[in-house]
Amino acid sequence: KLEARCLAWWDIFDSTLDVAFTKEDPPHVSWDIEVALGGAGLPLPDCIEDSFLSWLTRLVMRSFNRAYPLHLDLEQEEADRCSDSVIECIGDALDDELSVVRGV
């Protein structure tokens, strides 16, 4: 669960969104997660899983302030989504071609 008070700026020319969390009311993160280490799945204690990781997340989020906002490039996000679709389409087309060549 994330509770945060933030400010957002929209740049219509660059299609970017800048987000800053307020210093007066810092973000609050709480969760109940299960984390394990390595291939053996060695479980971590709850104090590390829940308390430490949420504290670390809050610390990182608080660093995005008015002077150094979180910069989200929405055009790049859209381009990434489109390129993923193109890659999937090319992959599907190649699969179809291979099926025809193999006679499947």
Protein backbone atom coordinates (compact mmCIF):
# COMPACT_ATOMS: atom_id res chain seq x y z
CA LYS A 1 0.00 0.00 0.00
CA LEU A 2 1.35 3.40 -0.98
CA GLU A 3 0.07 6.65 0.46
CA ALA A 4 1.73 9.76 -0.88
CA ARG A 5 1.07 13.41 -1.39
CA CYS A 6 2.79 14.61 -4.52
CA LEU A 7 2.99 17.39 -7.06
CA ALA A 8 2.93 16.73 -10.79
CA TRP A 9 3.94 18.88 -13.76
CA TRP A 10 2.86 18.06 -17.31
CA ASP A 11 4.99 19.27 -20.22
CA ILE A 12 2.73 19.19 -23.27
CA PHE A 13 5.55 19.84 -25.74
CA ASP A 14 7.79 16.97 -24.60
CA SER A 15 4.99 14.67 -23.36
CA THR A 16 6.70 14.29 -20.02
CA LEU A 17 5.35 14.16 -16.51
CA ASP A 18 7.46 15.26 -13.54
CA VAL A 19 6.43 14.00 -10.11
CA ALA A 20 7.72 15.26 -6.75
CA PHE A 21 6.78 14.00 -3.31
CA THR A 22 6.17 16.64 -0.65
CA LYS A 23 8.67 17.03 2.17
CA GLU A 24 5.99 17.92 4.71
CA ASP A 25 4.08 14.66 4.16
CA PRO A 26 6.54 12.00 2.94
CA PRO A 27 5.30 8.84 1.22
CA HIS A 28 4.22 5.94 3.40
CA VAL A 29 4.77 2.41 2.11
CA SER A 30 3.49 -0.70 3.81
CA TRP A 31 3.27 -4.26 2.55
CA ASP A 32 3.41 -7.87 3.57
CA ILE A 33 5.71 -9.65 1.15
CA GLU A 34 7.64 -12.89 1.17
CA VAL A 35 11.23 -12.77 -0.11
CA ALA A 36 13.67 -15.66 -0.40
CA LEU A 37 17.36 -15.78 -1.22
CA GLY A 38 18.99 -17.91 -3.86
CA GLY A 39 17.85 -21.05 -5.61
CA ALA A 40 17.34 -22.81 -2.27
CA GLY A 41 14.61 -20.31 -1.36
CA LEU A 42 16.09 -19.34 2.00
CA PRO A 43 13.38 -17.16 3.60
CA LEU A 44 14.26 -13.77 5.06
CA PRO A 45 12.97 -12.59 8.44
CA ASP A 46 9.86 -10.36 8.47
CA CYS A 47 11.86 -7.41 9.82
CA ILE A 48 13.87 -7.40 6.57
CA GLU A 49 11.02 -8.32 4.22
CA ASP A 50 8.46 -5.85 5.46
CA SER A 51 10.11 -3.14 7.57
CA PHE A 52 13.52 -2.67 5.96
CA LEU A 53 12.38 -2.90 2.32
CA SER A 54 9.46 -0.50 2.88
CA TRP A 55 11.81 1.93 4.68
CA LEU A 56 14.26 1.70 1.77
CA THR A 57 11.46 2.31 -0.75
CA ARG A 58 10.27 5.36 1.22
CA LEU A 59 13.84 6.68 1.31
CA VAL A 60 14.21 6.37 -2.47
CA MET A 61 10.79 7.92 -3.13
CA ARG A 62 11.53 10.88 -0.82
CA SER A 63 14.58 11.72 -2.96
CA PHE A 64 12.19 12.78 -5.77
CA ASN A 65 11.43 16.33 -4.62
CA ARG A 66 10.73 19.67 -6.28
CA ALA A 67 14.40 20.21 -7.09
CA TYR A 68 14.87 16.66 -8.46
CA PRO A 69 11.49 15.30 -9.62
CA LEU A 70 10.82 11.85 -11.01
CA HIS A 71 10.87 12.37 -14.78
CA LEU A 72 8.44 10.15 -16.72
CA ASP A 73 8.77 10.23 -20.50
CA LEU A 74 5.33 9.17 -21.70
CA GLU A 75 6.30 9.17 -25.39
CA GLN A 76 9.07 6.67 -24.63
CA GLU A 77 6.60 4.51 -22.66
CA GLU A 78 4.28 4.46 -25.68
CA ALA A 79 7.19 3.73 -28.04
CA ASP A 80 8.27 0.82 -25.82
CA ARG A 81 4.74 -0.60 -25.89
CA CYS A 82 4.57 -0.22 -29.67
CA SER A 83 7.96 -1.83 -30.21
CA ASP A 84 6.91 -4.77 -28.02
CA SER A 85 3.81 -5.23 -30.20
CA VAL A 86 5.90 -5.03 -33.38
CA ILE A 87 8.33 -7.63 -32.02
CA GLU A 88 5.41 -9.91 -31.12
CA CYS A 89 3.92 -9.47 -34.62
CA ILE A 90 7.25 -10.27 -36.27
CA GLY A 91 7.64 -13.32 -34.03
CA ASP A 92 4.14 -14.52 -34.92
CA ALA A 93 4.83 -13.99 -38.63
CA LEU A 94 8.09 -15.94 -38.40
CA ASP A 95 6.32 -18.77 -36.60
CA ASP A 96 3.70 -18.86 -39.39
CA GLU A 97 6.42 -18.90 -42.07
CA LEU A 98 8.29 -21.71 -40.32
CA SER A 99 5.07 -23.70 -40.07
CA VAL A 100 4.53 -23.36 -43.82
CA VAL A 101 8.13 -24.32 -44.61
CA ARG A 102 7.99 -27.34 -42.32
CA GLY A 103 4.58 -28.30 -43.67
CA VAL A 104 2.97 -28.24 -40.22
